[in-house]
PDB file of N, CA and C in Angstrom:
ATOM      1  N   MET A   1       9.206  43.464  30.284  1.00  0.00           N
ATOM      2  CA  MET A   1       8.524  43.634  29.024  1.00  0.00           C
ATOM      3  C   MET A   1       8.286  45.129  28.809  1.00  0.00           C
ATOM      4  N   TYR A   2       8.563  45.584  27.603  1.00  0.00           N
ATOM      5  CA  TYR A   2       8.403  46.988  27.256  1.00  0.00           C
ATOM      6  C   TYR A   2       7.552  47.132  25.994  1.00  0.00           C
ATOM      7  N   THR A   3       6.880  48.273  25.879  1.00  0.00           N
ATOM      8  CA  THR A   3       6.085  48.598  24.706  1.00  0.00           C
ATOM      9  C   THR A   3       6.696  49.814  24.040  1.00  0.00           C
ATOM     10  N   VAL A   4       6.893  49.725  22.727  1.00  0.00           N
ATOM     11  CA  VAL A   4       7.458  50.829  21.955  1.00  0.00           C
ATOM     12  C   VAL A   4       6.364  51.412  21.067  1.00  0.00           C
ATOM     13  N   ILE A   5       6.228  52.728  21.105  1.00  0.00           N
ATOM     14  CA  ILE A   5       5.295  53.438  20.240  1.00  0.00           C
ATOM     15  C   ILE A   5       6.120  54.414  19.414  1.00  0.00           C
ATOM     16  N   VAL A   6       6.007  54.309  18.080  1.00  0.00           N
ATOM     17  CA  VAL A   6       6.761  55.178  17.178  1.00  0.00           C
ATOM     18  C   VAL A   6       5.779  56.078  16.443  1.00  0.00           C
ATOM     19  N   PHE A   7       6.108  57.369  16.384  1.00  0.00           N
ATOM     20  CA  PHE A   7       5.289  58.365  15.695  1.00  0.00           C
ATOM     21  C   PHE A   7       6.098  58.987  14.563  1.00  0.00           C
ATOM     22  N   LYS A   8       5.405  59.407  13.515  1.00  0.00           N
ATOM     23  CA  LYS A   8       6.026  60.093  12.381  1.00  0.00           C
ATOM     24  C   LYS A   8       5.356  61.441  12.208  1.00  0.00           C
ATOM     25  N   ALA A   9       6.126  62.465  11.957  1.00  0.00           N
ATOM     26  CA  ALA A   9       5.582  63.799  11.725  1.00  0.00           C
ATOM     27  C   ALA A   9       4.676  63.765  10.497  1.00  0.00           C
ATOM     28  N   ASP A  10       3.454  64.300  10.649  1.00  0.00           N
ATOM     29  CA  ASP A  10       2.477  64.276   9.560  1.00  0.00           C
ATOM     30  C   ASP A  10       1.553  65.479   9.721  1.00  0.00           C
ATOM     31  N   LYS A  11       1.654  66.435   8.826  1.00  0.00           N
ATOM     32  CA  LYS A  11       0.871  67.671   8.916  1.00  0.00           C
ATOM     33  C   LYS A  11      -0.605  67.456   8.598  1.00  0.00           C
ATOM     34  N   ARG A  12      -0.969  66.291   8.074  1.00  0.00           N
ATOM     35  CA  ARG A  12      -2.373  66.013   7.761  1.00  0.00           C
ATOM     36  C   ARG A  12      -3.189  65.698   9.008  1.00  0.00           C
ATOM     37  N   LYS A  13      -2.538  65.389  10.100  1.00  0.00           N
ATOM     38  CA  LYS A  13      -3.212  65.062  11.356  1.00  0.00           C
ATOM     39  C   LYS A  13      -3.299  66.291  12.256  1.00  0.00           C
ATOM     40  N   LYS A  14      -4.322  66.340  13.108  1.00  0.00           N
ATOM     41  CA  LYS A  14      -4.471  67.468  14.033  1.00  0.00           C
ATOM     42  C   LYS A  14      -3.314  67.553  15.019  1.00  0.00           C
ATOM     43  N   THR A  15      -2.834  66.400  15.469  1.00  0.00           N
ATOM     44  CA  THR A  15      -1.745  66.378  16.436  1.00  0.00           C
ATOM     45  C   THR A  15      -0.394  66.675  15.799  1.00  0.00           C
ATOM     46  N   GLY A  16      -0.315  66.606  14.471  1.00  0.00           N
ATOM     47  CA  GLY A  16       0.943  66.866  13.783  1.00  0.00           C
ATOM     48  C   GLY A  16       1.809  65.640  13.634  1.00  0.00           C
ATOM     49  N   GLU A  17       1.298  64.485  14.050  1.00  0.00           N
ATOM     50  CA  GLU A  17       2.043  63.232  13.914  1.00  0.00           C
ATOM     51  C   GLU A  17       1.070  62.064  13.863  1.00  0.00           C
ATOM     52  N   ARG A  18       1.542  60.946  13.292  1.00  0.00           N
ATOM     53  CA  ARG A  18       0.708  59.744  13.227  1.00  0.00           C
ATOM     54  C   ARG A  18       1.481  58.566  13.811  1.00  0.00           C
ATOM     55  N   GLU A  19       0.734  57.605  14.319  1.00  0.00           N
ATOM     56  CA  GLU A  19       1.347  56.426  14.917  1.00  0.00           C
ATOM     57  C   GLU A  19       1.766  55.455  13.817  1.00  0.00           C
ATOM     58  N   VAL A  20       3.026  55.028  13.867  1.00  0.00           N
ATOM     59  CA  VAL A  20       3.569  54.134  12.860  1.00  0.00           C
ATOM     60  C   VAL A  20       3.713  52.714  13.410  1.00  0.00           C
ATOM     61  N   LEU A  21       4.102  52.591  14.677  1.00  0.00           N
ATOM     62  CA  LEU A  21       4.374  51.285  15.273  1.00  0.00           C
ATOM     63  C   LEU A  21       3.914  51.269  16.722  1.00  0.00           C
ATOM     64  N   TYR A  22       3.288  50.167  17.122  1.00  0.00           N
ATOM     65  CA  TYR A  22       2.867  49.943  18.507  1.00  0.00           C
ATOM     66  C   TYR A  22       3.157  48.477  18.778  1.00  0.00           C
ATOM     67  N   LYS A  23       4.269  48.193  19.442  1.00  0.00           N
ATOM     68  CA  LYS A  23       4.717  46.804  19.555  1.00  0.00           C
ATOM     69  C   LYS A  23       5.281  46.512  20.944  1.00  0.00           C
ATOM     70  N   ASP A  24       4.984  45.299  21.444  1.00  0.00           N
ATOM     71  CA  ASP A  24       5.516  44.820  22.717  1.00  0.00           C
ATOM     72  C   ASP A  24       6.799  44.040  22.479  1.00  0.00           C
ATOM     73  N   TYR A  25       7.790  44.264  23.332  1.00  0.00           N
ATOM     74  CA  TYR A  25       9.048  43.536  23.267  1.00  0.00           C
ATOM     75  C   TYR A  25       9.271  42.832  24.597  1.00  0.00           C
ATOM     76  N   ASP A  26       9.575  41.548  24.547  1.00  0.00           N
ATOM     77  CA  ASP A  26       9.806  40.746  25.745  1.00  0.00           C
ATOM     78  C   ASP A  26      11.291  40.776  26.096  1.00  0.00           C
ATOM     79  N   THR A  27      11.711  41.874  26.721  1.00  0.00           N
ATOM     80  CA  THR A  27      13.105  42.043  27.106  1.00  0.00           C
ATOM     81  C   THR A  27      13.173  42.801  28.434  1.00  0.00           C
ATOM     82  N   ASP A  28      14.249  42.602  29.158  1.00  0.00           N
ATOM     83  CA  ASP A  28      14.471  43.322  30.401  1.00  0.00           C
ATOM     84  C   ASP A  28      15.517  44.416  30.229  1.00  0.00           C
ATOM     85  N   ASN A  29      16.194  44.443  29.085  1.00  0.00           N
ATOM     86  CA  ASN A  29      17.273  45.387  28.843  1.00  0.00           C
ATOM     87  C   ASN A  29      16.736  46.614  28.098  1.00  0.00           C
ATOM     88  N   LYS A  30      16.318  47.616  28.848  1.00  0.00           N
ATOM     89  CA  LYS A  30      15.724  48.816  28.249  1.00  0.00           C
ATOM     90  C   LYS A  30      16.741  49.609  27.446  1.00  0.00           C
ATOM     91  N   SER A  31      17.974  49.688  27.916  1.00  0.00           N
ATOM     92  CA  SER A  31      18.988  50.476  27.213  1.00  0.00           C
ATOM     93  C   SER A  31      19.293  49.897  25.833  1.00  0.00           C
ATOM     94  N   MET A  32      19.334  48.577  25.721  1.00  0.00           N
ATOM     95  CA  MET A  32      19.584  47.948  24.421  1.00  0.00           C
ATOM     96  C   MET A  32      18.397  48.171  23.482  1.00  0.00           C
ATOM     97  N   LEU A  33      17.194  48.069  24.025  1.00  0.00           N
ATOM     98  CA  LEU A  33      15.992  48.312  23.229  1.00  0.00           C
ATOM     99  C   LEU A  33      15.966  49.760  22.748  1.00  0.00           C
ATOM    100  N   GLU A  34      16.296  50.698  23.634  1.00  0.00           N
ATOM    101  CA  GLU A  34      16.321  52.104  23.260  1.00  0.00           C
ATOM    102  C   GLU A  34      17.370  52.377  22.188  1.00  0.00           C
ATOM    103  N   HIS A  35      18.517  51.754  22.300  1.00  0.00           N
ATOM    104  CA  HIS A  35      19.578  51.897  21.294  1.00  0.00           C
ATOM    105  C   HIS A  35      19.099  51.386  19.938  1.00  0.00           C
ATOM    106  N   THR A  36      18.440  50.241  19.923  1.00  0.00           N
ATOM    107  CA  THR A  36      17.943  49.663  18.673  1.00  0.00           C
ATOM    108  C   THR A  36      16.884  50.550  18.033  1.00  0.00           C
ATOM    109  N   VAL A  37      15.942  51.009  18.836  1.00  0.00           N
ATOM    110  CA  VAL A  37      14.864  51.858  18.313  1.00  0.00           C
ATOM    111  C   VAL A  37      15.419  53.185  17.821  1.00  0.00           C
ATOM    112  N   LYS A  38      16.355  53.746  18.559  1.00  0.00           N
ATOM    113  CA  LYS A  38      16.946  55.036  18.214  1.00  0.00           C
ATOM    114  C   LYS A  38      17.640  54.999  16.855  1.00  0.00           C
ATOM    115  N   HIS A  39      18.300  53.880  16.551  1.00  0.00           N
ATOM    116  CA  HIS A  39      19.024  53.766  15.287  1.00  0.00           C
ATOM    117  C   HIS A  39      18.172  53.197  14.157  1.00  0.00           C
ATOM    118  N   THR A  40      17.007  52.665  14.478  1.00  0.00           N
ATOM    119  CA  THR A  40      16.098  52.177  13.449  1.00  0.00           C
ATOM    120  C   THR A  40      15.158  53.277  12.985  1.00  0.00           C
ATOM    121  N   TRP A  41      14.600  54.014  13.928  1.00  0.00           N
ATOM    122  CA  TRP A  41      13.643  55.086  13.644  1.00  0.00           C
ATOM    123  C   TRP A  41      14.344  56.420  13.906  1.00  0.00           C
ATOM    124  N   LEU A  42      14.983  56.966  12.905  1.00  0.00           N
ATOM    125  CA  LEU A  42      15.815  58.165  13.057  1.00  0.00           C
ATOM    126  C   LEU A  42      14.979  59.431  13.227  1.00  0.00           C
ATOM    127  N   SER A  43      15.376  60.248  14.189  1.00  0.00           N
ATOM    128  CA  SER A  43      14.669  61.500  14.435  1.00  0.00           C
ATOM    129  C   SER A  43      14.874  62.478  13.276  1.00  0.00           C
ATOM    130  N   SER A  44      15.981  62.366  12.582  1.00  0.00           N
ATOM    131  CA  SER A  44      16.230  63.240  11.429  1.00  0.00           C
ATOM    132  C   SER A  44      15.258  62.959  10.287  1.00  0.00           C
ATOM    133  N   ALA A  45      14.642  61.776  10.277  1.00  0.00           N
ATOM    134  CA  ALA A  45      13.658  61.415   9.259  1.00  0.00           C
ATOM    135  C   ALA A  45      12.237  61.753   9.719  1.00  0.00           C
ATOM    136  N   GLY A  46      12.094  62.374  10.898  1.00  0.00           N
ATOM    137  CA  GLY A  46      10.788  62.797  11.386  1.00  0.00           C
ATOM    138  C   GLY A  46      10.119  61.828  12.332  1.00  0.00           C
ATOM    139  N   PHE A  47      10.861  60.860  12.854  1.00  0.00           N
ATOM    140  CA  PHE A  47      10.285  59.882  13.775  1.00  0.00           C
ATOM    141  C   PHE A  47      10.519  60.292  15.225  1.00  0.00           C
ATOM    142  N   ARG A  48       9.566  59.929  16.084  1.00  0.00           N
ATOM    143  CA  ARG A  48       9.678  60.119  17.522  1.00  0.00           C
ATOM    144  C   ARG A  48       9.193  58.831  18.168  1.00  0.00           C
ATOM    145  N   TYR A  49       9.816  58.411  19.253  1.00  0.00           N
ATOM    146  CA  TYR A  49       9.416  57.159  19.892  1.00  0.00           C
ATOM    147  C   TYR A  49       9.232  57.333  21.388  1.00  0.00           C
ATOM    148  N   GLU A  50       8.408  56.452  21.949  1.00  0.00           N
ATOM    149  CA  GLU A  50       8.207  56.378  23.395  1.00  0.00           C
ATOM    150  C   GLU A  50       8.366  54.921  23.804  1.00  0.00           C
ATOM    151  N   ILE A  51       9.043  54.702  24.913  1.00  0.00           N
ATOM    152  CA  ILE A  51       9.199  53.349  25.458  1.00  0.00           C
ATOM    153  C   ILE A  51       8.549  53.334  26.837  1.00  0.00           C
ATOM    154  N   HIS A  52       7.592  52.423  27.018  1.00  0.00           N
ATOM    155  CA  HIS A  52       6.863  52.307  28.277  1.00  0.00           C
ATOM    156  C   HIS A  52       7.051  50.906  28.845  1.00  0.00           C
ATOM    157  N   GLN A  53       7.085  50.808  30.153  1.00  0.00           N
ATOM    158  CA  GLN A  53       7.035  49.502  30.792  1.00  0.00           C
ATOM    159  C   GLN A  53       5.601  49.002  30.616  1.00  0.00           C
ATOM    160  N   THR A  54       5.435  47.814  30.063  1.00  0.00           N
ATOM    161  CA  THR A  54       4.118  47.331  29.665  1.00  0.00           C
ATOM    162  C   THR A  54       3.176  47.151  30.846  1.00  0.00           C
ATOM    163  N   MET A  55       3.630  46.531  31.898  1.00  0.00           N
ATOM    164  CA  MET A  55       2.777  46.285  33.062  1.00  0.00           C
ATOM    165  C   MET A  55       3.181  47.219  34.204  1.00  0.00           C
ATOM    166  N   VAL A  56       2.176  47.872  34.796  1.00  0.00           N
ATOM    167  CA  VAL A  56       2.408  48.776  35.923  1.00  0.00           C
ATOM    168  C   VAL A  56       1.590  48.302  37.125  1.00  0.00           C
ATOM    169  N   LYS A  57       2.082  48.607  38.324  1.00  0.00           N
ATOM    170  CA  LYS A  57       1.365  48.225  39.538  1.00  0.00           C
ATOM    171  C   LYS A  57       0.382  49.325  39.912  1.00  0.00           C
ATOM    172  N   ARG A  58      -0.828  48.927  40.221  1.00  0.00           N
ATOM    173  CA  ARG A  58      -1.871  49.861  40.651  1.00  0.00           C
ATOM    174  C   ARG A  58      -2.530  49.300  41.906  1.00  0.00           C
ATOM    175  N   THR A  59      -3.275  50.148  42.597  1.00  0.00           N
ATOM    176  CA  THR A  59      -3.982  49.747  43.810  1.00  0.00           C
ATOM    177  C   THR A  59      -5.474  49.761  43.544  1.00  0.00           C
ATOM    178  N   ASN A  60      -6.135  48.656  43.869  1.00  0.00           N
ATOM    179  CA  ASN A  60      -7.575  48.548  43.709  1.00  0.00           C
ATOM    180  C   ASN A  60      -8.242  49.556  44.635  1.00  0.00           C
ATOM    181  N   MET A  61      -9.155  50.349  44.087  1.00  0.00           N
ATOM    182  CA  MET A  61      -9.786  51.407  44.865  1.00  0.00           C
ATOM    183  C   MET A  61     -10.688  50.853  45.959  1.00  0.00           C
ATOM    184  N   MET A  62     -11.389  49.789  45.699  1.00  0.00           N
ATOM    185  CA  MET A  62     -12.331  49.245  46.672  1.00  0.00           C
ATOM    186  C   MET A  62     -11.653  48.330  47.691  1.00  0.00           C
ATOM    187  N   GLY A  63     -10.837  47.415  47.221  1.00  0.00           N
ATOM    188  CA  GLY A  63     -10.233  46.445  48.125  1.00  0.00           C
ATOM    189  C   GLY A  63      -8.907  46.873  48.706  1.00  0.00           C
ATOM    190  N   GLY A  64      -8.201  47.772  48.024  1.00  0.00           N
ATOM    191  CA  GLY A  64      -6.904  48.231  48.507  1.00  0.00           C
ATOM    192  C   GLY A  64      -5.744  47.340  48.131  1.00  0.00           C
ATOM    193  N   GLY A  65      -6.013  46.223  47.452  1.00  0.00           N
ATOM    194  CA  GLY A  65      -4.936  45.317  47.053  1.00  0.00           C
ATOM    195  C   GLY A  65      -4.221  45.816  45.807  1.00  0.00           C
ATOM    196  N   GLU A  66      -2.959  45.429  45.674  1.00  0.00           N
ATOM    197  CA  GLU A  66      -2.186  45.802  44.497  1.00  0.00           C
ATOM    198  C   GLU A  66      -2.364  44.762  43.408  1.00  0.00           C
ATOM    199  N   TYR A  67      -2.345  45.214  42.175  1.00  0.00           N
ATOM    200  CA  TYR A  67      -2.431  44.332  41.007  1.00  0.00           C
ATOM    201  C   TYR A  67      -1.666  44.981  39.866  1.00  0.00           C
ATOM    202  N   GLU A  68      -1.423  44.203  38.796  1.00  0.00           N
ATOM    203  CA  GLU A  68      -0.734  44.716  37.621  1.00  0.00           C
ATOM    204  C   GLU A  68      -1.699  44.828  36.456  1.00  0.00           C
ATOM    205  N   GLU A  69      -1.557  45.912  35.683  1.00  0.00           N
ATOM    206  CA  GLU A  69      -2.334  46.074  34.467  1.00  0.00           C
ATOM    207  C   GLU A  69      -1.480  46.792  33.436  1.00  0.00           C
ATOM    208  N   ARG A  70      -1.895  46.748  32.176  1.00  0.00           N
ATOM    209  CA  ARG A  70      -1.157  47.421  31.112  1.00  0.00           C
ATOM    210  C   ARG A  70      -1.165  48.927  31.336  1.00  0.00           C
ATOM    211  N   PHE A  71      -0.101  49.580  30.918  1.00  0.00           N
ATOM    212  CA  PHE A  71       0.018  51.032  31.107  1.00  0.00           C
ATOM    213  C   PHE A  71      -1.040  51.794  30.325  1.00  0.00           C
ATOM    214  N   ASP A  72      -1.553  51.226  29.250  1.00  0.00           N
ATOM    215  CA  ASP A  72      -2.496  51.933  28.392  1.00  0.00           C
ATOM    216  C   ASP A  72      -3.954  51.549  28.648  1.00  0.00           C
ATOM    217  N   THR A  73      -4.248  50.966  29.805  1.00  0.00           N
ATOM    218  CA  THR A  73      -5.624  50.617  30.152  1.00  0.00           C
ATOM    219  C   THR A  73      -6.424  51.898  30.364  1.00  0.00           C
ATOM    220  N   PRO A  74      -7.561  52.024  29.678  1.00  0.00           N
ATOM    221  CA  PRO A  74      -8.374  53.237  29.880  1.00  0.00           C
ATOM    222  C   PRO A  74      -8.830  53.354  31.330  1.00  0.00           C
ATOM    223  N   ASN A  75      -9.013  54.571  31.774  1.00  0.00           N
ATOM    224  CA  ASN A  75      -9.380  54.839  33.159  1.00  0.00           C
ATOM    225  C   ASN A  75     -10.681  54.134  33.553  1.00  0.00           C
ATOM    226  N   TYR A  76     -11.663  54.124  32.651  1.00  0.00           N
ATOM    227  CA  TYR A  76     -12.954  53.523  32.976  1.00  0.00           C
ATOM    228  C   TYR A  76     -12.903  51.997  33.027  1.00  0.00           C
ATOM    229  N   CYS A  77     -11.808  51.385  32.587  1.00  0.00           N
ATOM    230  CA  CYS A  77     -11.644  49.928  32.643  1.00  0.00           C
ATOM    231  C   CYS A  77     -10.716  49.491  33.774  1.00  0.00           C
ATOM    232  N   SER A  78     -10.216  50.426  34.548  1.00  0.00           N
ATOM    233  CA  SER A  78      -9.244  50.130  35.593  1.00  0.00           C
ATOM    234  C   SER A  78      -9.899  50.134  36.975  1.00  0.00           C
ATOM    235  N   PRO A  79      -9.754  49.037  37.735  1.00  0.00           N
ATOM    236  CA  PRO A  79     -10.304  48.998  39.093  1.00  0.00           C
ATOM    237  C   PRO A  79      -9.665  50.017  40.043  1.00  0.00           C
ATOM    238  N   SER A  80      -8.637  50.718  39.609  1.00  0.00           N
ATOM    239  CA  SER A  80      -8.012  51.730  40.456  1.00  0.00           C
ATOM    240  C   SER A  80      -8.701  53.083  40.322  1.00  0.00           C
ATOM    241  N   SER A  81      -9.748  53.172  39.490  1.00  0.00           N
ATOM    242  CA  SER A  81     -10.416  54.458  39.290  1.00  0.00           C
ATOM    243  C   SER A  81     -11.857  54.428  39.788  1.00  0.00           C
ATOM    244  N   GLU A  82     -12.359  55.590  40.129  1.00  0.00           N
ATOM    245  CA  GLU A  82     -13.732  55.702  40.623  1.00  0.00           C
ATOM    246  C   GLU A  82     -14.747  55.423  39.522  1.00  0.00           C
ATOM    247  N   SER A  83     -14.427  55.807  38.287  1.00  0.00           N
ATOM    248  CA  SER A  83     -15.372  55.610  37.186  1.00  0.00           C
ATOM    249  C   SER A  83     -15.621  54.122  36.903  1.00  0.00           C
ATOM    250  N   TYR A  84     -14.655  53.264  37.185  1.00  0.00           N
ATOM    251  CA  TYR A  84     -14.829  51.822  37.012  1.00  0.00           C
ATOM    252  C   TYR A  84     -15.894  51.297  37.972  1.00  0.00           C
ATOM    253  N   TRP A  85     -15.872  51.769  39.196  1.00  0.00           N
ATOM    254  CA  TRP A  85     -16.779  51.257  40.222  1.00  0.00           C
ATOM    255  C   TRP A  85     -18.131  51.953  40.212  1.00  0.00           C
ATOM    256  N   SER A  86     -18.296  53.051  39.507  1.00  0.00           N
ATOM    257  CA  SER A  86     -19.560  53.758  39.516  1.00  0.00           C
ATOM    258  C   SER A  86     -20.508  53.331  38.393  1.00  0.00           C
ATOM    259  N   MET A  87     -20.105  52.392  37.575  1.00  0.00           N
ATOM    260  CA  MET A  87     -20.976  51.958  36.472  1.00  0.00           C
ATOM    261  C   MET A  87     -21.984  50.934  36.921  1.00  0.00           C
TER     262      MET A  87
END
């Protein structure tokens, strides 16, 4: 499973771009997904994209066991960080 994030150049934003699409795709073929996104969201039109593996393996800080969580989980919500356990 992969997550695609598409950005468009936008001078009205501080970062210089705005998020246009944030979508999960249930596929194992990253190259085909990248080909599709590349030809759908053209860089010549001001688009930029990122493809992330949706689930990543992390290690629990307290127990030491491995688990899976989304790549975009905030640090304070992740059992792999000290800030999660200090609350």
